[in-house]
Amino acid sequence: MSLASIDTPWLYDTGSALAFLGTLTALIVGHLLGDLVLQNDADATGKAIPDNARLATGTHPWTGWPACLRHCRSYLACQVIALLLMLSVVPIPLPAMIAALAVSISTHAVIDRRWLVQRILAAKGCTSWREAPFWIDQALHGAAMFGAALIAVRTTTMTTTVVVALTAVLLIAYALHVEHRHARGVAAGPAPTDRY
């Protein structure tokens, strides 16, 4: 008796499995092109501005968001193209594609602001591994794309897509709130590190 012949609720059909794998692969390929190949230096360095020193001089906490959004625009274009090309091999519904992109782009923007990476580095006490910020950033992006592909497979209606998209917007709003709160803390007194 094969595992496929057992009637269990946790087994999925082949179409769902292919949709997940196809979506994840397309998101990863789009990510590699958009994040590592196409990202320009100005956006790469500007998207995480300001640090605590600049916040202490009165720089607005959201100063780097325009650079982050410019980068996210080209990043999103790469993922859209990869998903559209993937459709020629693995068909997935439009609501699933939109949901995957909403999760991927919102999480990408928040991670690229770098405060989450800084928090993880601080919690790990990671001071001597020079490449740690890059690899933690990439690991977070990978986990987010994995989640985006999982959500995509379960998103079959536009109603669910709207819920996913609204959640993505709330994630961005929360990130803006965290950055604003951190800036108030820096303004209240000297900050010893760039930790959020």
N, C-alpha and C. Protein backbone atom coordinates (compact mmCIF):
# COMPACT_ATOMS: atom_id res chain seq x y z
N MET A 1 0.85 -1.18 0.00
CA MET A 1 0.00 0.00 0.00
C MET A 1 0.90 1.25 0.00
N SER A 2 0.67 2.14 -0.92
CA SER A 2 1.47 3.35 -0.97
C SER A 2 0.85 4.44 -0.10
N LEU A 3 1.70 5.39 0.26
CA LEU A 3 1.23 6.50 1.08
C LEU A 3 0.14 7.28 0.37
N ALA A 4 0.22 7.39 -0.95
CA ALA A 4 -0.77 8.15 -1.72
C ALA A 4 -2.15 7.50 -1.67
N SER A 5 -2.19 6.20 -1.43
CA SER A 5 -3.49 5.53 -1.42
C SER A 5 -4.21 5.64 -0.09
N ILE A 6 -3.53 6.12 0.94
CA ILE A 6 -4.16 6.29 2.25
C ILE A 6 -4.98 7.57 2.22
N ASP A 7 -6.22 7.50 2.63
CA ASP A 7 -7.09 8.68 2.64
C ASP A 7 -6.88 9.44 3.94
N THR A 8 -6.00 10.44 3.89
CA THR A 8 -5.72 11.25 5.07
C THR A 8 -5.91 12.72 4.73
N PRO A 9 -6.34 13.50 5.71
CA PRO A 9 -6.61 14.92 5.44
C PRO A 9 -5.35 15.75 5.22
N TRP A 10 -4.19 15.23 5.58
CA TRP A 10 -2.99 16.04 5.44
C TRP A 10 -2.29 15.86 4.10
N LEU A 11 -2.79 14.99 3.26
CA LEU A 11 -2.21 14.84 1.93
C LEU A 11 -2.87 15.83 0.97
N TYR A 12 -2.06 16.46 0.14
CA TYR A 12 -2.57 17.44 -0.81
C TYR A 12 -2.47 16.87 -2.22
N ASP A 13 -3.22 17.45 -3.09
CA ASP A 13 -3.16 16.99 -4.47
C ASP A 13 -1.88 17.48 -5.14
N THR A 14 -1.55 16.88 -6.23
CA THR A 14 -0.33 17.21 -6.95
C THR A 14 -0.34 18.66 -7.44
N GLY A 15 -1.52 19.14 -7.83
CA GLY A 15 -1.62 20.52 -8.31
C GLY A 15 -1.21 21.52 -7.24
N SER A 16 -1.65 21.30 -6.00
CA SER A 16 -1.27 22.21 -4.91
C SER A 16 0.23 22.16 -4.66
N ALA A 17 0.78 20.94 -4.69
CA ALA A 17 2.22 20.80 -4.47
C ALA A 17 3.01 21.50 -5.57
N LEU A 18 2.58 21.33 -6.82
CA LEU A 18 3.27 21.99 -7.92
C LEU A 18 3.12 23.51 -7.85
N ALA A 19 1.93 23.97 -7.46
CA ALA A 19 1.71 25.41 -7.32
C ALA A 19 2.63 25.99 -6.25
N PHE A 20 2.76 25.29 -5.13
CA PHE A 20 3.66 25.75 -4.07
C PHE A 20 5.10 25.81 -4.57
N LEU A 21 5.56 24.71 -5.15
CA LEU A 21 6.96 24.65 -5.62
C LEU A 21 7.22 25.67 -6.73
N GLY A 22 6.26 25.80 -7.66
CA GLY A 22 6.43 26.76 -8.73
C GLY A 22 6.46 28.19 -8.23
N THR A 23 5.54 28.50 -7.31
CA THR A 23 5.49 29.85 -6.74
C THR A 23 6.75 30.16 -5.96
N LEU A 24 7.18 29.22 -5.13
CA LEU A 24 8.39 29.43 -4.33
C LEU A 24 9.61 29.62 -5.24
N THR A 25 9.73 28.80 -6.26
CA THR A 25 10.86 28.92 -7.18
C THR A 25 10.85 30.26 -7.89
N ALA A 26 9.69 30.67 -8.38
CA ALA A 26 9.60 31.96 -9.08
C ALA A 26 9.93 33.12 -8.14
N LEU A 27 9.43 33.07 -6.91
CA LEU A 27 9.73 34.13 -5.95
C LEU A 27 11.23 34.19 -5.66
N ILE A 28 11.85 33.02 -5.51
CA ILE A 28 13.29 32.99 -5.22
C ILE A 28 14.10 33.53 -6.39
N VAL A 29 13.76 33.11 -7.61
CA VAL A 29 14.48 33.61 -8.79
C VAL A 29 14.30 35.13 -8.91
N GLY A 30 13.07 35.59 -8.75
CA GLY A 30 12.82 37.03 -8.78
C GLY A 30 13.58 37.76 -7.69
N HIS A 31 13.65 37.14 -6.51
CA HIS A 31 14.38 37.73 -5.39
C HIS A 31 15.87 37.87 -5.73
N LEU A 32 16.46 36.79 -6.22
CA LEU A 32 17.90 36.83 -6.53
C LEU A 32 18.22 37.91 -7.55
N LEU A 33 17.38 38.01 -8.58
CA LEU A 33 17.62 39.04 -9.60
C LEU A 33 17.37 40.44 -9.07
N GLY A 34 16.25 40.62 -8.36
CA GLY A 34 15.89 41.95 -7.89
C GLY A 34 16.72 42.44 -6.72
N ASP A 35 17.13 41.51 -5.84
CA ASP A 35 17.84 41.92 -4.64
C ASP A 35 19.35 41.96 -4.84
N LEU A 36 19.88 41.06 -5.65
CA LEU A 36 21.33 40.97 -5.77
C LEU A 36 21.88 41.47 -7.10
N VAL A 37 21.11 41.34 -8.18
CA VAL A 37 21.63 41.73 -9.49
C VAL A 37 21.22 43.16 -9.85
N LEU A 38 19.95 43.50 -9.71
CA LEU A 38 19.47 44.80 -10.19
C LEU A 38 19.54 45.94 -9.18
N GLN A 39 19.63 45.65 -7.92
CA GLN A 39 19.61 46.72 -6.91
C GLN A 39 20.82 47.64 -7.08
N ASN A 40 20.56 48.93 -7.17
CA ASN A 40 21.68 49.87 -7.34
C ASN A 40 22.26 50.28 -5.99
N ASP A 41 23.43 50.85 -6.03
CA ASP A 41 24.16 51.19 -4.81
C ASP A 41 23.44 52.25 -3.97
N ALA A 42 22.85 53.24 -4.65
CA ALA A 42 22.17 54.31 -3.91
C ALA A 42 21.00 53.75 -3.09
N ASP A 43 20.23 52.85 -3.68
CA ASP A 43 19.10 52.26 -2.94
C ASP A 43 19.60 51.29 -1.87
N ALA A 44 20.66 50.54 -2.16
CA ALA A 44 21.20 49.59 -1.19
C ALA A 44 21.70 50.30 0.05
N THR A 45 22.34 51.45 -0.12
CA THR A 45 22.86 52.17 1.03
C THR A 45 21.82 53.10 1.66
N GLY A 46 20.89 53.59 0.86
CA GLY A 46 19.92 54.55 1.37
C GLY A 46 18.69 53.96 2.03
N LYS A 47 18.38 52.70 1.75
CA LYS A 47 17.10 52.13 2.21
C LYS A 47 17.02 51.94 3.71
N ALA A 48 18.13 51.91 4.41
CA ALA A 48 18.10 51.70 5.86
C ALA A 48 18.35 52.98 6.65
N ILE A 49 18.50 54.09 5.98
CA ILE A 49 18.73 55.37 6.65
C ILE A 49 17.48 55.77 7.43
N PRO A 50 17.57 56.33 8.60
CA PRO A 50 18.75 56.82 9.29
C PRO A 50 19.22 55.87 10.39
N ASP A 51 20.49 55.98 10.76
CA ASP A 51 20.99 55.27 11.91
C ASP A 51 20.77 56.15 13.15
N ASN A 52 21.19 55.68 14.31
CA ASN A 52 20.93 56.44 15.54
C ASN A 52 21.62 57.79 15.55
N ALA A 53 22.82 57.88 14.97
CA ALA A 53 23.52 59.16 14.95
C ALA A 53 22.71 60.20 14.17
N ARG A 54 22.14 59.81 13.06
CA ARG A 54 21.33 60.74 12.28
C ARG A 54 20.00 61.04 12.97
N LEU A 55 19.43 60.03 13.61
CA LEU A 55 18.19 60.28 14.36
C LEU A 55 18.44 61.30 15.46
N ALA A 56 19.57 61.22 16.12
CA ALA A 56 19.90 62.14 17.21
C ALA A 56 20.03 63.58 16.72
N THR A 57 20.36 63.76 15.43
CA THR A 57 20.47 65.12 14.89
C THR A 57 19.16 65.62 14.30
N GLY A 58 18.10 64.82 14.45
CA GLY A 58 16.79 65.26 14.00
C GLY A 58 16.34 64.73 12.65
N THR A 59 17.10 63.82 12.05
CA THR A 59 16.68 63.23 10.78
C THR A 59 15.39 62.46 10.99
N HIS A 60 14.44 62.63 10.09
CA HIS A 60 13.16 61.94 10.21
C HIS A 60 13.38 60.42 10.11
N PRO A 61 12.70 59.63 10.95
CA PRO A 61 12.94 58.18 10.95
C PRO A 61 12.58 57.47 9.64
N TRP A 62 11.79 58.10 8.80
CA TRP A 62 11.37 57.43 7.57
C TRP A 62 12.16 57.92 6.35
N THR A 63 13.27 58.58 6.58
CA THR A 63 14.05 59.17 5.49
C THR A 63 14.44 58.15 4.43
N GLY A 64 14.77 56.94 4.82
CA GLY A 64 15.22 55.93 3.85
C GLY A 64 14.12 55.21 3.10
N TRP A 65 12.86 55.46 3.46
CA TRP A 65 11.77 54.74 2.79
C TRP A 65 11.69 54.97 1.28
N PRO A 66 11.94 56.18 0.76
CA PRO A 66 11.91 56.33 -0.70
C PRO A 66 12.90 55.41 -1.41
N ALA A 67 14.12 55.29 -0.88
CA ALA A 67 15.11 54.38 -1.48
C ALA A 67 14.63 52.93 -1.36
N CYS A 68 14.06 52.59 -0.22
CA CYS A 68 13.56 51.23 -0.01
C CYS A 68 12.44 50.92 -0.99
N LEU A 69 11.54 51.87 -1.20
CA LEU A 69 10.42 51.64 -2.11
C LEU A 69 10.87 51.58 -3.57
N ARG A 70 11.88 52.36 -3.93
CA ARG A 70 12.43 52.27 -5.30
C ARG A 70 13.01 50.87 -5.53
N HIS A 71 13.76 50.39 -4.54
CA HIS A 71 14.31 49.05 -4.66
C HIS A 71 13.19 48.01 -4.72
N CYS A 72 12.17 48.17 -3.89
CA CYS A 72 11.06 47.21 -3.87
C CYS A 72 10.29 47.20 -5.19
N ARG A 73 10.23 48.32 -5.87
CA ARG A 73 9.55 48.39 -7.16
C ARG A 73 10.25 47.50 -8.19
N SER A 74 11.57 47.61 -8.29
CA SER A 74 12.29 46.76 -9.25
C SER A 74 12.32 45.31 -8.79
N TYR A 75 12.37 45.10 -7.49
CA TYR A 75 12.32 43.75 -6.92
C TYR A 75 10.98 43.08 -7.27
N LEU A 76 9.89 43.83 -7.09
CA LEU A 76 8.57 43.32 -7.41
C LEU A 76 8.45 43.00 -8.89
N ALA A 77 8.99 43.85 -9.73
CA ALA A 77 8.94 43.60 -11.18
C ALA A 77 9.63 42.28 -11.52
N CYS A 78 10.75 42.00 -10.90
CA CYS A 78 11.46 40.73 -11.15
C CYS A 78 10.61 39.54 -10.71
N GLN A 79 9.95 39.66 -9.57
CA GLN A 79 9.12 38.55 -9.11
C GLN A 79 7.88 38.38 -9.97
N VAL A 80 7.30 39.47 -10.43
CA VAL A 80 6.13 39.37 -11.32
C VAL A 80 6.53 38.66 -12.62
N ILE A 81 7.65 39.06 -13.21
CA ILE A 81 8.09 38.43 -14.45
C ILE A 81 8.36 36.94 -14.23
N ALA A 82 9.02 36.61 -13.13
CA ALA A 82 9.32 35.20 -12.84
C ALA A 82 8.02 34.40 -12.66
N LEU A 83 7.05 34.98 -11.96
CA LEU A 83 5.76 34.28 -11.78
C LEU A 83 5.02 34.12 -13.11
N LEU A 84 5.04 35.14 -13.95
CA LEU A 84 4.37 35.04 -15.25
C LEU A 84 5.02 33.97 -16.13
N LEU A 85 6.34 33.90 -16.09
CA LEU A 85 7.03 32.85 -16.85
C LEU A 85 6.72 31.47 -16.29
N MET A 86 6.60 31.38 -14.97
CA MET A 86 6.28 30.12 -14.32
C MET A 86 4.89 29.63 -14.72
N LEU A 87 3.98 30.56 -15.03
CA LEU A 87 2.62 30.19 -15.43
C LEU A 87 2.58 29.32 -16.68
N SER A 88 3.60 29.41 -17.50
CA SER A 88 3.62 28.58 -18.71
C SER A 88 3.86 27.10 -18.38
N VAL A 89 4.30 26.84 -17.17
CA VAL A 89 4.58 25.46 -16.75
C VAL A 89 3.62 24.99 -15.67
N VAL A 90 3.36 25.86 -14.70
CA VAL A 90 2.51 25.52 -13.56
C VAL A 90 1.43 26.59 -13.42
N PRO A 91 0.20 26.28 -13.77
CA PRO A 91 -0.85 27.29 -13.65
C PRO A 91 -1.25 27.50 -12.18
N ILE A 92 -1.30 28.75 -11.78
CA ILE A 92 -1.85 29.09 -10.46
C ILE A 92 -2.84 30.21 -10.67
N PRO A 93 -3.87 30.29 -9.82
CA PRO A 93 -4.89 31.32 -10.00
C PRO A 93 -4.35 32.72 -9.68
N LEU A 94 -4.96 33.71 -10.29
CA LEU A 94 -4.57 35.10 -10.08
C LEU A 94 -4.60 35.50 -8.61
N PRO A 95 -5.64 35.13 -7.83
CA PRO A 95 -5.62 35.50 -6.41
C PRO A 95 -4.38 34.97 -5.68
N ALA A 96 -3.93 33.78 -6.03
CA ALA A 96 -2.75 33.21 -5.40
C ALA A 96 -1.50 34.02 -5.74
N MET A 97 -1.38 34.43 -7.00
CA MET A 97 -0.23 35.24 -7.41
C MET A 97 -0.20 36.57 -6.68
N ILE A 98 -1.35 37.22 -6.61
CA ILE A 98 -1.42 38.53 -5.94
C ILE A 98 -1.07 38.38 -4.46
N ALA A 99 -1.59 37.34 -3.82
CA ALA A 99 -1.31 37.12 -2.40
C ALA A 99 0.19 36.88 -2.18
N ALA A 100 0.79 36.05 -3.02
CA ALA A 100 2.23 35.76 -2.88
C ALA A 100 3.04 37.04 -3.02
N LEU A 101 2.70 37.85 -4.00
CA LEU A 101 3.44 39.09 -4.22
C LEU A 101 3.23 40.09 -3.09
N ALA A 102 2.01 40.16 -2.55
CA ALA A 102 1.74 41.08 -1.44
C ALA A 102 2.56 40.71 -0.21
N VAL A 103 2.61 39.43 0.10
CA VAL A 103 3.41 38.98 1.25
C VAL A 103 4.89 39.21 0.99
N SER A 104 5.35 38.85 -0.19
CA SER A 104 6.77 38.97 -0.50
C SER A 104 7.23 40.43 -0.47
N ILE A 105 6.50 41.32 -1.09
CA ILE A 105 6.96 42.71 -1.18
C ILE A 105 6.86 43.43 0.16
N SER A 106 5.82 43.18 0.93
CA SER A 106 5.70 43.86 2.22
C SER A 106 6.77 43.39 3.20
N THR A 107 7.00 42.08 3.25
CA THR A 107 8.04 41.58 4.15
C THR A 107 9.42 42.02 3.67
N HIS A 108 9.61 42.08 2.36
CA HIS A 108 10.90 42.51 1.84
C HIS A 108 11.21 43.95 2.26
N ALA A 109 10.22 44.82 2.14
CA ALA A 109 10.43 46.22 2.52
C ALA A 109 10.79 46.34 4.00
N VAL A 110 10.07 45.63 4.85
CA VAL A 110 10.33 45.73 6.29
C VAL A 110 11.72 45.17 6.63
N ILE A 111 12.07 44.03 6.07
CA ILE A 111 13.38 43.44 6.34
C ILE A 111 14.49 44.36 5.84
N ASP A 112 14.30 44.97 4.68
CA ASP A 112 15.34 45.82 4.10
C ASP A 112 15.54 47.13 4.85
N ARG A 113 14.64 47.49 5.71
CA ARG A 113 14.87 48.68 6.54
C ARG A 113 15.92 48.38 7.61
N ARG A 114 16.24 47.10 7.79
CA ARG A 114 17.36 46.56 8.57
C ARG A 114 17.21 46.60 10.09
N TRP A 115 16.17 47.20 10.63
CA TRP A 115 16.07 47.20 12.09
C TRP A 115 15.79 45.80 12.63
N LEU A 116 15.06 44.98 11.89
CA LEU A 116 14.81 43.61 12.33
C LEU A 116 16.11 42.81 12.34
N VAL A 117 16.92 42.99 11.32
CA VAL A 117 18.23 42.33 11.27
C VAL A 117 19.08 42.78 12.44
N GLN A 118 19.06 44.08 12.74
CA GLN A 118 19.84 44.61 13.86
C GLN A 118 19.37 44.02 15.19
N ARG A 119 18.08 43.85 15.34
CA ARG A 119 17.56 43.23 16.58
C ARG A 119 18.04 41.80 16.72
N ILE A 120 18.02 41.05 15.62
CA ILE A 120 18.48 39.66 15.67
C ILE A 120 19.97 39.61 15.98
N LEU A 121 20.76 40.46 15.35
CA LEU A 121 22.19 40.50 15.63
C LEU A 121 22.45 40.82 17.10
N ALA A 122 21.71 41.78 17.64
CA ALA A 122 21.89 42.14 19.05
C ALA A 122 21.51 40.98 19.96
N ALA A 123 20.41 40.31 19.66
CA ALA A 123 19.96 39.19 20.48
C ALA A 123 20.97 38.04 20.44
N LYS A 124 21.59 37.83 19.28
CA LYS A 124 22.59 36.77 19.14
C LYS A 124 23.95 37.17 19.70
N GLY A 125 24.15 38.47 19.93
CA GLY A 125 25.47 38.94 20.34
C GLY A 125 26.50 38.71 19.25
N CYS A 126 26.05 38.85 18.03
CA CYS A 126 26.84 38.52 16.85
C CYS A 126 27.68 39.74 16.45
N THR A 127 28.91 39.80 16.95
CA THR A 127 29.75 40.96 16.68
C THR A 127 30.97 40.66 15.81
N SER A 128 31.40 39.41 15.76
CA SER A 128 32.63 39.11 15.03
C SER A 128 32.40 38.50 13.65
N TRP A 129 31.19 38.14 13.33
CA TRP A 129 30.90 37.55 12.02
C TRP A 129 30.53 38.68 11.07
N ARG A 130 31.46 39.08 10.25
CA ARG A 130 31.30 40.26 9.39
C ARG A 130 30.13 40.13 8.41
N GLU A 131 29.89 38.92 7.90
CA GLU A 131 28.85 38.71 6.90
C GLU A 131 27.48 38.44 7.52
N ALA A 132 27.39 38.43 8.83
CA ALA A 132 26.12 38.09 9.51
C ALA A 132 24.95 38.94 9.05
N PRO A 133 25.08 40.27 8.95
CA PRO A 133 23.91 41.04 8.51
C PRO A 133 23.36 40.61 7.17
N PHE A 134 24.24 40.34 6.20
CA PHE A 134 23.79 39.91 4.88
C PHE A 134 23.06 38.58 4.96
N TRP A 135 23.65 37.60 5.65
CA TRP A 135 23.06 36.27 5.67
C TRP A 135 21.79 36.21 6.50
N ILE A 136 21.71 36.99 7.56
CA ILE A 136 20.45 37.05 8.32
C ILE A 136 19.37 37.69 7.46
N ASP A 137 19.72 38.75 6.76
CA ASP A 137 18.79 39.40 5.83
C ASP A 137 18.28 38.39 4.80
N GLN A 138 19.18 37.64 4.19
CA GLN A 138 18.77 36.68 3.15
C GLN A 138 17.94 35.54 3.74
N ALA A 139 18.28 35.09 4.96
CA ALA A 139 17.50 34.04 5.60
C ALA A 139 16.08 34.51 5.88
N LEU A 140 15.94 35.75 6.35
CA LEU A 140 14.60 36.30 6.60
C LEU A 140 13.80 36.41 5.30
N HIS A 141 14.45 36.85 4.23
CA HIS A 141 13.77 36.92 2.93
C HIS A 141 13.34 35.54 2.48
N GLY A 142 14.21 34.55 2.64
CA GLY A 142 13.87 33.18 2.26
C GLY A 142 12.68 32.65 3.03
N ALA A 143 12.66 32.89 4.34
CA ALA A 143 11.53 32.45 5.17
C ALA A 143 10.25 33.15 4.74
N ALA A 144 10.35 34.44 4.41
CA ALA A 144 9.16 35.19 3.98
C ALA A 144 8.62 34.66 2.65
N MET A 145 9.51 34.32 1.72
CA MET A 145 9.06 33.78 0.44
C MET A 145 8.45 32.39 0.62
N PHE A 146 8.99 31.60 1.52
CA PHE A 146 8.40 30.30 1.84
C PHE A 146 6.97 30.50 2.34
N GLY A 147 6.80 31.45 3.28
CA GLY A 147 5.45 31.77 3.79
C GLY A 147 4.54 32.29 2.70
N ALA A 148 5.09 33.13 1.81
CA ALA A 148 4.28 33.67 0.71
C ALA A 148 3.78 32.56 -0.20
N ALA A 149 4.63 31.57 -0.49
CA ALA A 149 4.23 30.44 -1.34
C ALA A 149 3.17 29.59 -0.65
N LEU A 150 3.32 29.38 0.66
CA LEU A 150 2.30 28.63 1.40
C LEU A 150 0.96 29.34 1.38
N ILE A 151 1.00 30.64 1.62
CA ILE A 151 -0.24 31.44 1.61
C ILE A 151 -0.86 31.42 0.22
N ALA A 152 -0.04 31.52 -0.81
CA ALA A 152 -0.54 31.54 -2.19
C ALA A 152 -1.34 30.28 -2.50
N VAL A 153 -0.84 29.14 -2.08
CA VAL A 153 -1.52 27.87 -2.38
C VAL A 153 -2.90 27.82 -1.72
N ARG A 154 -3.06 28.49 -0.61
CA ARG A 154 -4.33 28.48 0.11
C ARG A 154 -5.23 29.66 -0.25
N THR A 155 -4.76 30.54 -1.12
CA THR A 155 -5.54 31.72 -1.51
C THR A 155 -6.18 31.45 -2.86
N THR A 156 -7.50 31.22 -2.84
CA THR A 156 -8.19 30.86 -4.09
C THR A 156 -9.27 31.86 -4.48
N THR A 157 -9.57 32.80 -3.59
CA THR A 157 -10.62 33.79 -3.90
C THR A 157 -10.06 35.20 -3.76
N MET A 158 -10.72 36.13 -4.40
CA MET A 158 -10.29 37.53 -4.27
C MET A 158 -10.55 38.06 -2.85
N THR A 159 -11.54 37.52 -2.16
CA THR A 159 -11.79 37.94 -0.77
C THR A 159 -10.58 37.60 0.09
N THR A 160 -10.08 36.40 -0.04
CA THR A 160 -8.89 36.01 0.72
C THR A 160 -7.70 36.85 0.31
N THR A 161 -7.59 37.16 -0.96
CA THR A 161 -6.50 38.00 -1.45
C THR A 161 -6.54 39.38 -0.82
N VAL A 162 -7.73 39.95 -0.69
CA VAL A 162 -7.88 41.26 -0.07
C VAL A 162 -7.43 41.20 1.39
N VAL A 163 -7.80 40.14 2.09
CA VAL A 163 -7.38 39.98 3.49
C VAL A 163 -5.86 39.90 3.58
N VAL A 164 -5.23 39.13 2.70
CA VAL A 164 -3.77 39.02 2.69
C VAL A 164 -3.14 40.38 2.38
N ALA A 165 -3.67 41.08 1.39
CA ALA A 165 -3.12 42.39 1.02
C ALA A 165 -3.27 43.40 2.15
N LEU A 166 -4.40 43.39 2.83
CA LEU A 166 -4.59 44.30 3.97
C LEU A 166 -3.62 43.96 5.10
N THR A 167 -3.39 42.69 5.32
CA THR A 167 -2.41 42.29 6.33
C THR A 167 -1.02 42.78 5.96
N ALA A 168 -0.68 42.73 4.67
CA ALA A 168 0.61 43.24 4.20
C ALA A 168 0.73 44.74 4.46
N VAL A 169 -0.35 45.47 4.22
CA VAL A 169 -0.35 46.92 4.49
C VAL A 169 -0.18 47.17 5.99
N LEU A 170 -0.84 46.37 6.81
CA LEU A 170 -0.71 46.52 8.27
C LEU A 170 0.73 46.24 8.73
N LEU A 171 1.41 45.32 8.08
CA LEU A 171 2.81 45.05 8.41
C LEU A 171 3.67 46.29 8.15
N ILE A 172 3.45 46.94 7.03
CA ILE A 172 4.19 48.17 6.72
C ILE A 172 3.86 49.25 7.75
N ALA A 173 2.59 49.39 8.09
CA ALA A 173 2.18 50.39 9.09
C ALA A 173 2.85 50.11 10.43
N TYR A 174 2.92 48.84 10.81
CA TYR A 174 3.58 48.49 12.06
C TYR A 174 5.06 48.85 12.01
N ALA A 175 5.71 48.60 10.88
CA ALA A 175 7.13 48.94 10.74
C ALA A 175 7.34 50.45 10.88
N LEU A 176 6.47 51.24 10.28
CA LEU A 176 6.56 52.69 10.40
C LEU A 176 6.39 53.11 11.86
N HIS A 177 5.48 52.47 12.56
CA HIS A 177 5.26 52.76 13.98
C HIS A 177 6.52 52.43 14.80
N VAL A 178 7.11 51.27 14.56
CA VAL A 178 8.32 50.87 15.29
C VAL A 178 9.44 51.88 15.05
N GLU A 179 9.61 52.29 13.81
CA GLU A 179 10.67 53.24 13.49
C GLU A 179 10.42 54.59 14.15
N HIS A 180 9.18 55.04 14.17
CA HIS A 180 8.85 56.31 14.80
C HIS A 180 9.07 56.24 16.31
N ARG A 181 8.66 55.14 16.92
CA ARG A 181 8.85 54.95 18.37
C ARG A 181 10.33 54.92 18.71
N HIS A 182 11.12 54.24 17.89
CA HIS A 182 12.56 54.17 18.13
C HIS A 182 13.18 55.57 18.04
N ALA A 183 12.76 56.36 17.06
CA ALA A 183 13.29 57.72 16.91
C ALA A 183 12.98 58.57 18.13
N ARG A 184 11.79 58.41 18.68
CA ARG A 184 11.45 59.15 19.92
C ARG A 184 12.37 58.74 21.06
N GLY A 185 12.69 57.44 21.14
CA GLY A 185 13.59 56.97 22.18
C GLY A 185 14.99 57.53 22.02
N VAL A 186 15.48 57.61 20.79
CA VAL A 186 16.80 58.17 20.53
C VAL A 186 16.81 59.65 20.88
N ALA A 187 15.74 60.37 20.53
CA ALA A 187 15.66 61.80 20.83
C ALA A 187 15.62 62.06 22.33
N ALA A 188 15.10 61.10 23.09
CA ALA A 188 14.98 61.27 24.54
C ALA A 188 16.32 61.13 25.26
N GLY A 189 17.28 60.51 24.63
CA GLY A 189 18.57 60.33 25.28
C GLY A 189 19.56 59.65 24.37
N PRO A 190 20.80 59.58 24.80
CA PRO A 190 21.82 58.94 23.96
C PRO A 190 21.56 57.46 23.79
N ALA A 191 21.73 57.00 22.56
CA ALA A 191 21.53 55.58 22.25
C ALA A 191 22.89 54.95 22.04
N PRO A 192 23.21 53.91 22.80
CA PRO A 192 24.55 53.32 22.70
C PRO A 192 24.80 52.53 21.41
N THR A 193 23.75 52.06 20.78
CA THR A 193 23.91 51.24 19.57
C THR A 193 22.80 51.56 18.59
N ASP A 194 22.82 50.88 17.48
CA ASP A 194 21.75 51.03 16.48
C ASP A 194 20.63 50.04 16.70
N ARG A 195 20.50 49.50 17.88
CA ARG A 195 19.45 48.52 18.13
C ARG A 195 18.08 49.19 18.19
N TYR A 196 17.09 48.46 17.68
CA TYR A 196 15.71 48.94 17.74
C TYR A 196 15.01 48.25 18.87
